PDB file of N, CA and C in Angstrom:
ATOM      1  N   MET A   1      44.491  81.948 102.880  1.00  0.00           N
ATOM      2  CA  MET A   1      43.694  81.104 101.810  1.00  0.00           C
ATOM      3  C   MET A   1      42.812  82.290 101.090  1.00  0.00           C
ATOM      4  N   ILE A   2      42.287  83.278 101.876  1.00  0.00           N
ATOM      5  CA  ILE A   2      41.446  84.350 101.223  1.00  0.00           C
ATOM      6  C   ILE A   2      42.325  85.124 100.418  1.00  0.00           C
ATOM      7  N   GLU A   3      43.416  85.456 100.719  1.00  0.00           N
ATOM      8  CA  GLU A   3      44.376  86.284  99.850  1.00  0.00           C
ATOM      9  C   GLU A   3      44.656  85.575  98.522  1.00  0.00           C
ATOM     10  N   ARG A   4      44.984  84.182  98.578  1.00  0.00           N
ATOM     11  CA  ARG A   4      45.169  83.414  97.568  1.00  0.00           C
ATOM     12  C   ARG A   4      43.893  83.477  96.598  1.00  0.00           C
ATOM     13  N   ARG A   5      42.623  83.373  96.976  1.00  0.00           N
ATOM     14  CA  ARG A   5      41.555  83.289  96.327  1.00  0.00           C
ATOM     15  C   ARG A   5      41.344  84.678  95.554  1.00  0.00           C
ATOM     16  N   LEU A   6      41.682  85.630  96.394  1.00  0.00           N
ATOM     17  CA  LEU A   6      41.510  87.155  95.803  1.00  0.00           C
ATOM     18  C   LEU A   6      42.608  87.293  94.576  1.00  0.00           C
ATOM     19  N   ILE A   7      43.722  86.768  94.738  1.00  0.00           N
ATOM     20  CA  ILE A   7      44.663  86.692  93.575  1.00  0.00           C
ATOM     21  C   ILE A   7      44.188  86.093  92.288  1.00  0.00           C
ATOM     22  N   GLU A   8      43.733  84.801  92.767  1.00  0.00           N
ATOM     23  CA  GLU A   8      43.089  84.061  91.592  1.00  0.00           C
ATOM     24  C   GLU A   8      41.856  84.842  91.009  1.00  0.00           C
ATOM     25  N   ASN A   9      41.031  85.308  91.585  1.00  0.00           N
ATOM     26  CA  ASN A   9      39.804  86.223  91.249  1.00  0.00           C
ATOM     27  C   ASN A   9      40.408  87.256  90.321  1.00  0.00           C
ATOM     28  N   GLY A  10      41.263  87.904  90.919  1.00  0.00           N
ATOM     29  CA  GLY A  10      41.765  89.109  90.104  1.00  0.00           C
ATOM     30  C   GLY A  10      42.440  88.829  88.899  1.00  0.00           C
ATOM     31  N   GLY A  11      43.102  87.594  88.744  1.00  0.00           N
ATOM     32  CA  GLY A  11      43.672  87.167  87.582  1.00  0.00           C
ATOM     33  C   GLY A  11      42.452  86.783  86.319  1.00  0.00           C
ATOM     34  N   ARG A  12      41.389  86.185  87.023  1.00  0.00           N
ATOM     35  CA  ARG A  12      40.344  85.806  86.125  1.00  0.00           C
ATOM     36  C   ARG A  12      39.697  87.069  85.818  1.00  0.00           C
ATOM     37  N   MET A  13      39.622  88.169  86.512  1.00  0.00           N
ATOM     38  CA  MET A  13      38.887  89.345  86.137  1.00  0.00           C
ATOM     39  C   MET A  13      39.747  90.014  85.160  1.00  0.00           C
ATOM     40  N   LYS A  14      41.019  90.027  85.151  1.00  0.00           N
ATOM     41  CA  LYS A  14      41.841  90.557  84.053  1.00  0.00           C
ATOM     42  C   LYS A  14      41.710  89.802  82.703  1.00  0.00           C
ATOM     43  N   ASP A  15      41.612  88.574  82.837  1.00  0.00           N
ATOM     44  CA  ASP A  15      41.312  87.923  81.609  1.00  0.00           C
ATOM     45  C   ASP A  15      40.040  88.052  80.987  1.00  0.00           C
ATOM     46  N   VAL A  16      38.983  88.202  81.872  1.00  0.00           N
ATOM     47  CA  VAL A  16      37.595  88.378  81.343  1.00  0.00           C
ATOM     48  C   VAL A  16      37.603  89.951  80.801  1.00  0.00           C
ATOM     49  N   ARG A  17      38.276  90.909  81.389  1.00  0.00           N
ATOM     50  CA  ARG A  17      38.318  92.198  80.869  1.00  0.00           C
ATOM     51  C   ARG A  17      39.044  92.299  79.494  1.00  0.00           C
ATOM     52  N   ASP A  18      40.174  91.544  79.363  1.00  0.00           N
ATOM     53  CA  ASP A  18      40.773  91.489  78.036  1.00  0.00           C
ATOM     54  C   ASP A  18      39.886  90.956  77.036  1.00  0.00           C
ATOM     55  N   ASN A  19      39.203  89.765  77.305  1.00  0.00           N
ATOM     56  CA  ASN A  19      38.226  89.117  76.320  1.00  0.00           C
ATOM     57  C   ASN A  19      37.092  89.955  76.016  1.00  0.00           C
ATOM     58  N   LEU A  20      36.728  90.742  76.962  1.00  0.00           N
ATOM     59  CA  LEU A  20      35.674  91.694  76.866  1.00  0.00           C
ATOM     60  C   LEU A  20      35.893  92.824  75.771  1.00  0.00           C
ATOM     61  N   ARG A  21      37.151  93.325  75.956  1.00  0.00           N
ATOM     62  CA  ARG A  21      37.597  94.277  75.076  1.00  0.00           C
ATOM     63  C   ARG A  21      37.652  93.728  73.711  1.00  0.00           C
ATOM     64  N   VAL A  22      37.902  92.665  73.553  1.00  0.00           N
ATOM     65  CA  VAL A  22      38.191  91.929  72.184  1.00  0.00           C
ATOM     66  C   VAL A  22      36.711  91.778  71.597  1.00  0.00           C
ATOM     67  N   ALA A  23      35.850  91.248  72.469  1.00  0.00           N
ATOM     68  CA  ALA A  23      34.455  91.011  71.971  1.00  0.00           C
ATOM     69  C   ALA A  23      33.704  92.200  71.575  1.00  0.00           C
ATOM     70  N   GLU A  24      34.051  93.457  72.384  1.00  0.00           N
ATOM     71  CA  GLU A  24      33.417  94.640  71.942  1.00  0.00           C
ATOM     72  C   GLU A  24      33.783  95.158  70.616  1.00  0.00           C
ATOM     73  N   GLU A  25      35.146  95.026  70.358  1.00  0.00           N
ATOM     74  CA  GLU A  25      35.718  95.332  69.049  1.00  0.00           C
ATOM     75  C   GLU A  25      35.120  94.429  68.097  1.00  0.00           C
ATOM     76  N   GLN A  26      35.009  93.165  68.198  1.00  0.00           N
ATOM     77  CA  GLN A  26      34.463  92.239  67.162  1.00  0.00           C
ATOM     78  C   GLN A  26      33.053  92.593  67.005  1.00  0.00           C
ATOM     79  N   LEU A  27      32.161  92.846  68.089  1.00  0.00           N
ATOM     80  CA  LEU A  27      30.896  93.225  67.999  1.00  0.00           C
ATOM     81  C   LEU A  27      30.645  94.513  67.088  1.00  0.00           C
ATOM     82  N   LEU A  28      31.475  95.553  67.299  1.00  0.00           N
ATOM     83  CA  LEU A  28      31.436  96.736  66.424  1.00  0.00           C
ATOM     84  C   LEU A  28      31.699  96.328  64.924  1.00  0.00           C
ATOM     85  N   HIS A  29      32.581  95.568  64.654  1.00  0.00           N
ATOM     86  CA  HIS A  29      32.847  95.129  63.339  1.00  0.00           C
ATOM     87  C   HIS A  29      31.697  94.174  62.797  1.00  0.00           C
ATOM     88  N   PHE A  30      31.169  93.255  63.516  1.00  0.00           N
ATOM     89  CA  PHE A  30      30.019  92.373  62.965  1.00  0.00           C
ATOM     90  C   PHE A  30      28.747  93.248  62.838  1.00  0.00           C
ATOM     91  N   ALA A  31      28.416  94.189  63.661  1.00  0.00           N
ATOM     92  CA  ALA A  31      27.346  95.040  63.660  1.00  0.00           C
ATOM     93  C   ALA A  31      27.346  95.922  62.434  1.00  0.00           C
ATOM     94  N   SER A  32      28.499  96.458  62.035  1.00  0.00           N
ATOM     95  CA  SER A  32      28.815  97.182  60.903  1.00  0.00           C
ATOM     96  C   SER A  32      28.513  96.359  59.589  1.00  0.00           C
ATOM     97  N   GLU A  33      29.164  95.049  59.459  1.00  0.00           N
ATOM     98  CA  GLU A  33      28.945  94.253  58.536  1.00  0.00           C
ATOM     99  C   GLU A  33      27.503  94.015  58.371  1.00  0.00           C
ATOM    100  N   ALA A  34      26.806  93.761  59.450  1.00  0.00           N
ATOM    101  CA  ALA A  34      25.338  93.520  59.283  1.00  0.00           C
ATOM    102  C   ALA A  34      24.536  94.626  58.814  1.00  0.00           C
ATOM    103  N   ASP A  35      24.825  95.830  59.126  1.00  0.00           N
ATOM    104  CA  ASP A  35      24.216  96.956  58.727  1.00  0.00           C
ATOM    105  C   ASP A  35      24.525  97.214  57.197  1.00  0.00           C
ATOM    106  N   ASP A  36      25.851  96.906  56.718  1.00  0.00           N
ATOM    107  CA  ASP A  36      26.092  97.118  55.322  1.00  0.00           C
ATOM    108  C   ASP A  36      25.316  96.141  54.538  1.00  0.00           C
ATOM    109  N   ALA A  37      25.276  94.851  55.122  1.00  0.00           N
ATOM    110  CA  ALA A  37      24.584  93.726  54.354  1.00  0.00           C
ATOM    111  C   ALA A  37      23.057  93.968  54.245  1.00  0.00           C
ATOM    112  N   ARG A  38      22.420  94.695  55.290  1.00  0.00           N
ATOM    113  CA  ARG A  38      21.148  95.041  55.182  1.00  0.00           C
ATOM    114  C   ARG A  38      20.808  96.028  54.171  1.00  0.00           C
ATOM    115  N   ILE A  39      21.765  97.094  54.065  1.00  0.00           N
ATOM    116  CA  ILE A  39      21.373  98.161  53.089  1.00  0.00           C
ATOM    117  C   ILE A  39      21.635  97.444  51.643  1.00  0.00           C
ATOM    118  N   ARG A  40      22.623  96.573  51.468  1.00  0.00           N
ATOM    119  CA  ARG A  40      22.655  95.835  50.105  1.00  0.00           C
ATOM    120  C   ARG A  40      21.476  95.127  49.761  1.00  0.00           C
ATOM    121  N   ALA A  41      21.118  94.451  50.871  1.00  0.00           N
ATOM    122  CA  ALA A  41      19.795  93.620  50.589  1.00  0.00           C
ATOM    123  C   ALA A  41      18.444  94.373  50.226  1.00  0.00           C
ATOM    124  N   LEU A  42      18.442  95.593  50.968  1.00  0.00           N
ATOM    125  CA  LEU A  42      17.312  96.537  50.477  1.00  0.00           C
ATOM    126  C   LEU A  42      17.475  97.095  49.105  1.00  0.00           C
ATOM    127  N   VAL A  43      18.684  97.411  48.794  1.00  0.00           N
ATOM    128  CA  VAL A  43      19.083  97.876  47.404  1.00  0.00           C
ATOM    129  C   VAL A  43      18.808  97.002  46.273  1.00  0.00           C
ATOM    130  N   SER A  44      19.397  95.719  46.535  1.00  0.00           N
ATOM    131  CA  SER A  44      19.403  94.747  45.376  1.00  0.00           C
ATOM    132  C   SER A  44      18.186  93.865  45.476  1.00  0.00           C
ATOM    133  N   GLU A  45      17.591  93.562  46.511  1.00  0.00           N
ATOM    134  CA  GLU A  45      16.432  92.770  46.667  1.00  0.00           C
ATOM    135  C   GLU A  45      16.764  91.447  45.961  1.00  0.00           C
ATOM    136  N   THR A  46      17.778  90.679  46.141  1.00  0.00           N
ATOM    137  CA  THR A  46      17.899  89.398  45.677  1.00  0.00           C
ATOM    138  C   THR A  46      18.166  88.529  46.783  1.00  0.00           C
ATOM    139  N   PRO A  47      17.750  87.213  46.466  1.00  0.00           N
ATOM    140  CA  PRO A  47      17.705  86.111  47.687  1.00  0.00           C
ATOM    141  C   PRO A  47      19.168  85.964  48.324  1.00  0.00           C
ATOM    142  N   MET A  48      20.176  86.196  47.361  1.00  0.00           N
ATOM    143  CA  MET A  48      21.511  86.019  48.002  1.00  0.00           C
ATOM    144  C   MET A  48      21.969  87.286  48.867  1.00  0.00           C
ATOM    145  N   SER A  49      21.525  88.408  48.472  1.00  0.00           N
ATOM    146  CA  SER A  49      21.758  89.525  49.578  1.00  0.00           C
ATOM    147  C   SER A  49      20.977  89.373  50.706  1.00  0.00           C
ATOM    148  N   GLY A  50      19.705  88.839  50.629  1.00  0.00           N
ATOM    149  CA  GLY A  50      19.107  88.653  51.864  1.00  0.00           C
ATOM    150  C   GLY A  50      19.792  87.649  52.712  1.00  0.00           C
ATOM    151  N   LYS A  51      20.270  86.468  52.130  1.00  0.00           N
ATOM    152  CA  LYS A  51      21.000  85.583  52.923  1.00  0.00           C
ATOM    153  C   LYS A  51      22.181  86.252  53.510  1.00  0.00           C
ATOM    154  N   GLU A  52      22.860  86.861  52.960  1.00  0.00           N
ATOM    155  CA  GLU A  52      24.027  87.563  53.447  1.00  0.00           C
ATOM    156  C   GLU A  52      23.707  88.437  54.584  1.00  0.00           C
ATOM    157  N   HIS A  53      22.499  89.146  54.521  1.00  0.00           N
ATOM    158  CA  HIS A  53      22.129  90.082  55.587  1.00  0.00           C
ATOM    159  C   HIS A  53      21.834  89.106  56.844  1.00  0.00           C
ATOM    160  N   ARG A  54      21.054  87.863  56.742  1.00  0.00           N
ATOM    161  CA  ARG A  54      20.731  87.103  57.772  1.00  0.00           C
ATOM    162  C   ARG A  54      21.859  86.554  58.328  1.00  0.00           C
ATOM    163  N   ASP A  55      22.944  86.102  57.533  1.00  0.00           N
ATOM    164  CA  ASP A  55      24.118  85.478  58.214  1.00  0.00           C
ATOM    165  C   ASP A  55      24.853  86.595  58.977  1.00  0.00           C
ATOM    166  N   ALA A  56      25.013  87.751  58.360  1.00  0.00           N
ATOM    167  CA  ALA A  56      25.624  88.838  59.054  1.00  0.00           C
ATOM    168  C   ALA A  56      25.097  89.100  60.338  1.00  0.00           C
ATOM    169  N   ASP A  57      23.750  89.323  60.296  1.00  0.00           N
ATOM    170  CA  ASP A  57      22.935  89.743  61.438  1.00  0.00           C
ATOM    171  C   ASP A  57      23.082  88.523  62.608  1.00  0.00           C
ATOM    172  N   ARG A  58      23.195  87.300  62.123  1.00  0.00           N
ATOM    173  CA  ARG A  58      23.248  86.209  63.038  1.00  0.00           C
ATOM    174  C   ARG A  58      24.783  86.287  63.646  1.00  0.00           C
ATOM    175  N   HIS A  59      25.739  86.595  62.967  1.00  0.00           N
ATOM    176  CA  HIS A  59      26.889  86.687  63.611  1.00  0.00           C
ATOM    177  C   HIS A  59      27.079  87.764  64.771  1.00  0.00           C
ATOM    178  N   ALA A  60      26.455  88.788  64.149  1.00  0.00           N
ATOM    179  CA  ALA A  60      26.250  90.137  65.180  1.00  0.00           C
ATOM    180  C   ALA A  60      25.699  89.739  66.446  1.00  0.00           C
ATOM    181  N   LYS A  61      24.678  89.066  66.331  1.00  0.00           N
ATOM    182  CA  LYS A  61      23.778  88.775  67.446  1.00  0.00           C
ATOM    183  C   LYS A  61      24.511  87.690  68.396  1.00  0.00           C
ATOM    184  N   ALA A  62      25.176  86.807  67.808  1.00  0.00           N
ATOM    185  CA  ALA A  62      25.944  85.890  68.539  1.00  0.00           C
ATOM    186  C   ALA A  62      27.235  86.632  69.253  1.00  0.00           C
ATOM    187  N   MET A  63      27.719  87.392  68.683  1.00  0.00           N
ATOM    188  CA  MET A  63      28.820  88.225  69.303  1.00  0.00           C
ATOM    189  C   MET A  63      28.270  89.006  70.460  1.00  0.00           C
ATOM    190  N   GLU A  64      26.994  89.582  70.218  1.00  0.00           N
ATOM    191  CA  GLU A  64      26.398  90.349  71.246  1.00  0.00           C
ATOM    192  C   GLU A  64      26.042  89.551  72.535  1.00  0.00           C
ATOM    193  N   ARG A  65      25.656  88.332  72.289  1.00  0.00           N
ATOM    194  CA  ARG A  65      25.378  87.389  73.365  1.00  0.00           C
ATOM    195  C   ARG A  65      26.686  87.105  74.253  1.00  0.00           C
ATOM    196  N   HIS A  66      27.817  86.917  73.378  1.00  0.00           N
ATOM    197  CA  HIS A  66      29.065  86.313  73.901  1.00  0.00           C
ATOM    198  C   HIS A  66      29.470  87.723  74.700  1.00  0.00           C
ATOM    199  N   ARG A  67      29.377  88.902  74.297  1.00  0.00           N
ATOM    200  CA  ARG A  67      29.790  90.025  74.973  1.00  0.00           C
ATOM    201  C   ARG A  67      28.822  90.268  76.297  1.00  0.00           C
ATOM    202  N   ASP A  68      27.681  89.843  76.227  1.00  0.00           N
ATOM    203  CA  ASP A  68      26.685  90.042  77.358  1.00  0.00           C
ATOM    204  C   ASP A  68      27.251  88.948  78.549  1.00  0.00           C
ATOM    205  N   GLU A  69      27.461  87.710  77.981  1.00  0.00           N
ATOM    206  CA  GLU A  69      28.063  86.528  78.866  1.00  0.00           C
ATOM    207  C   GLU A  69      29.187  87.218  79.608  1.00  0.00           C
ATOM    208  N   LEU A  70      30.219  87.663  78.999  1.00  0.00           N
ATOM    209  CA  LEU A  70      31.420  88.222  79.526  1.00  0.00           C
ATOM    210  C   LEU A  70      31.160  89.291  80.598  1.00  0.00           C
ATOM    211  N   VAL A  71      30.185  90.235  80.242  1.00  0.00           N
ATOM    212  CA  VAL A  71      29.736  91.390  81.259  1.00  0.00           C
ATOM    213  C   VAL A  71      29.362  90.611  82.423  1.00  0.00           C
ATOM    214  N   ALA A  72      28.427  89.550  82.261  1.00  0.00           N
ATOM    215  CA  ALA A  72      27.806  89.012  83.422  1.00  0.00           C
ATOM    216  C   ALA A  72      28.801  88.326  84.319  1.00  0.00           C
ATOM    217  N   GLU A  73      29.798  87.491  83.627  1.00  0.00           N
ATOM    218  CA  GLU A  73      30.925  86.936  84.264  1.00  0.00           C
ATOM    219  C   GLU A  73      31.693  87.925  85.113  1.00  0.00           C
ATOM    220  N   LEU A  74      32.164  89.084  84.533  1.00  0.00           N
ATOM    221  CA  LEU A  74      32.667  90.201  85.148  1.00  0.00           C
ATOM    222  C   LEU A  74      32.124  90.601  86.423  1.00  0.00           C
ATOM    223  N   ALA A  75      30.761  90.712  86.276  1.00  0.00           N
ATOM    224  CA  ALA A  75      29.939  91.263  87.363  1.00  0.00           C
ATOM    225  C   ALA A  75      30.003  90.157  88.495  1.00  0.00           C
ATOM    226  N   ARG A  76      30.017  88.777  88.160  1.00  0.00           N
ATOM    227  CA  ARG A  76      29.970  87.765  89.305  1.00  0.00           C
ATOM    228  C   ARG A  76      31.347  87.912  89.921  1.00  0.00           C
ATOM    229  N   LEU A  77      32.238  87.981  89.051  1.00  0.00           N
ATOM    230  CA  LEU A  77      33.808  88.056  89.675  1.00  0.00           C
ATOM    231  C   LEU A  77      33.908  89.276  90.675  1.00  0.00           C
ATOM    232  N   GLU A  78      33.327  90.440  90.102  1.00  0.00           N
ATOM    233  CA  GLU A  78      33.330  91.555  91.138  1.00  0.00           C
ATOM    234  C   GLU A  78      32.682  91.371  92.324  1.00  0.00           C
ATOM    235  N   ALA A  79      31.554  90.672  92.294  1.00  0.00           N
ATOM    236  CA  ALA A  79      30.781  90.387  93.442  1.00  0.00           C
ATOM    237  C   ALA A  79      31.568  89.561  94.373  1.00  0.00           C
ATOM    238  N   ASN A  80      32.326  88.481  93.705  1.00  0.00           N
ATOM    239  CA  ASN A  80      32.928  87.503  94.420  1.00  0.00           C
ATOM    240  C   ASN A  80      34.246  88.166  95.181  1.00  0.00           C
ATOM    241  N   GLN A  81      34.809  89.167  94.495  1.00  0.00           N
ATOM    242  CA  GLN A  81      35.877  89.859  95.193  1.00  0.00           C
ATOM    243  C   GLN A  81      35.610  90.719  96.226  1.00  0.00           C
ATOM    244  N   ASP A  82      34.243  91.353  96.137  1.00  0.00           N
ATOM    245  CA  ASP A  82      33.769  92.121  97.227  1.00  0.00           C
ATOM    246  C   ASP A  82      33.516  91.279  98.387  1.00  0.00           C
ATOM    247  N   HIS A  83      33.049  90.042  98.258  1.00  0.00           N
ATOM    248  CA  HIS A  83      32.808  89.146  99.270  1.00  0.00           C
ATOM    249  C   HIS A  83      34.052  88.680  99.925  1.00  0.00           C
ATOM    250  N   LEU A  84      35.009  88.404  99.142  1.00  0.00           N
ATOM    251  CA  LEU A  84      36.213  88.034  99.557  1.00  0.00           C
ATOM    252  C   LEU A  84      36.999  89.112 100.353  1.00  0.00           C
ATOM    253  N   LEU A  85      37.009  90.339  99.854  1.00  0.00           N
ATOM    254  CA  LEU A  85      37.510  91.485 100.834  1.00  0.00           C
ATOM    255  C   LEU A  85      36.678  91.612 101.999  1.00  0.00           C
ATOM    256  N   ASP A  86      35.404  91.495 101.987  1.00  0.00           N
ATOM    257  CA  ASP A  86      34.656  91.543 103.331  1.00  0.00           C
ATOM    258  C   ASP A  86      35.146  90.465 104.191  1.00  0.00           C
ATOM    259  N   GLN A  87      35.318  89.201 103.678  1.00  0.00           N
ATOM    260  CA  GLN A  87      35.940  88.277 104.508  1.00  0.00           C
ATOM    261  C   GLN A  87      37.403  88.520 105.106  1.00  0.00           C
ATOM    262  N   LEU A  88      38.246  89.024 104.223  1.00  0.00           N
ATOM    263  CA  LEU A  88      39.482  89.448 104.658  1.00  0.00           C
ATOM    264  C   LEU A  88      39.407  90.577 105.725  1.00  0.00           C
ATOM    265  N   SER A  89      38.506  91.580 105.591  1.00  0.00           N
ATOM    266  CA  SER A  89      38.511  92.507 106.476  1.00  0.00           C
ATOM    267  C   SER A  89      37.981  91.994 107.940  1.00  0.00           C
ATOM    268  N   SER A  90      37.037  91.208 107.780  1.00  0.00           N
ATOM    269  CA  SER A  90      36.385  90.679 109.069  1.00  0.00           C
ATOM    270  C   SER A  90      37.450  89.738 109.820  1.00  0.00           C
ATOM    271  N   HIS A  91      38.169  89.059 109.112  1.00  0.00           N
ATOM    272  CA  HIS A  91      39.218  88.222 109.718  1.00  0.00           C
ATOM    273  C   HIS A  91      40.299  89.058 110.385  1.00  0.00           C
ATOM    274  N   GLY A  92      40.605  90.263 109.806  1.00  0.00           N
ATOM    275  CA  GLY A  92      41.630  91.168 110.296  1.00  0.00           C
ATOM    276  C   GLY A  92      41.152  91.787 111.526  1.00  0.00           C
ATOM    277  N   ILE A  93      39.734  92.145 111.695  1.00  0.00           N
ATOM    278  CA  ILE A  93      39.342  92.802 112.871  1.00  0.00           C
ATOM    279  C   ILE A  93      39.355  91.838 114.061  1.00  0.00           C
ATOM    280  N   ASN A  94      39.072  90.505 113.904  1.00  0.00           N
ATOM    281  CA  ASN A  94      39.099  89.602 114.937  1.00  0.00           C
ATOM    282  C   ASN A  94      40.320  89.449 115.535  1.00  0.00           C
TER     283      ASN A  94
END
């Protein structure tokens, strides 16, 4: 039972790591877009450029929150893995 839970947890960890890599790449892209939009807004000082900056910044912040959620989920899965490994080793000693 514990071994099966370890395998399932390991699969979820792999999926979260894969999603985290994608989220980090997207965050870099959105953060760069937001910086570019900020500079354009400062230079042009038009309402449209200000809106584009706010939209780009909102996307970057949303992706940052998503990335942070994935990091937290990975930490929970790692803690669960440690707990399961402790259970497995204590069962093996008895």
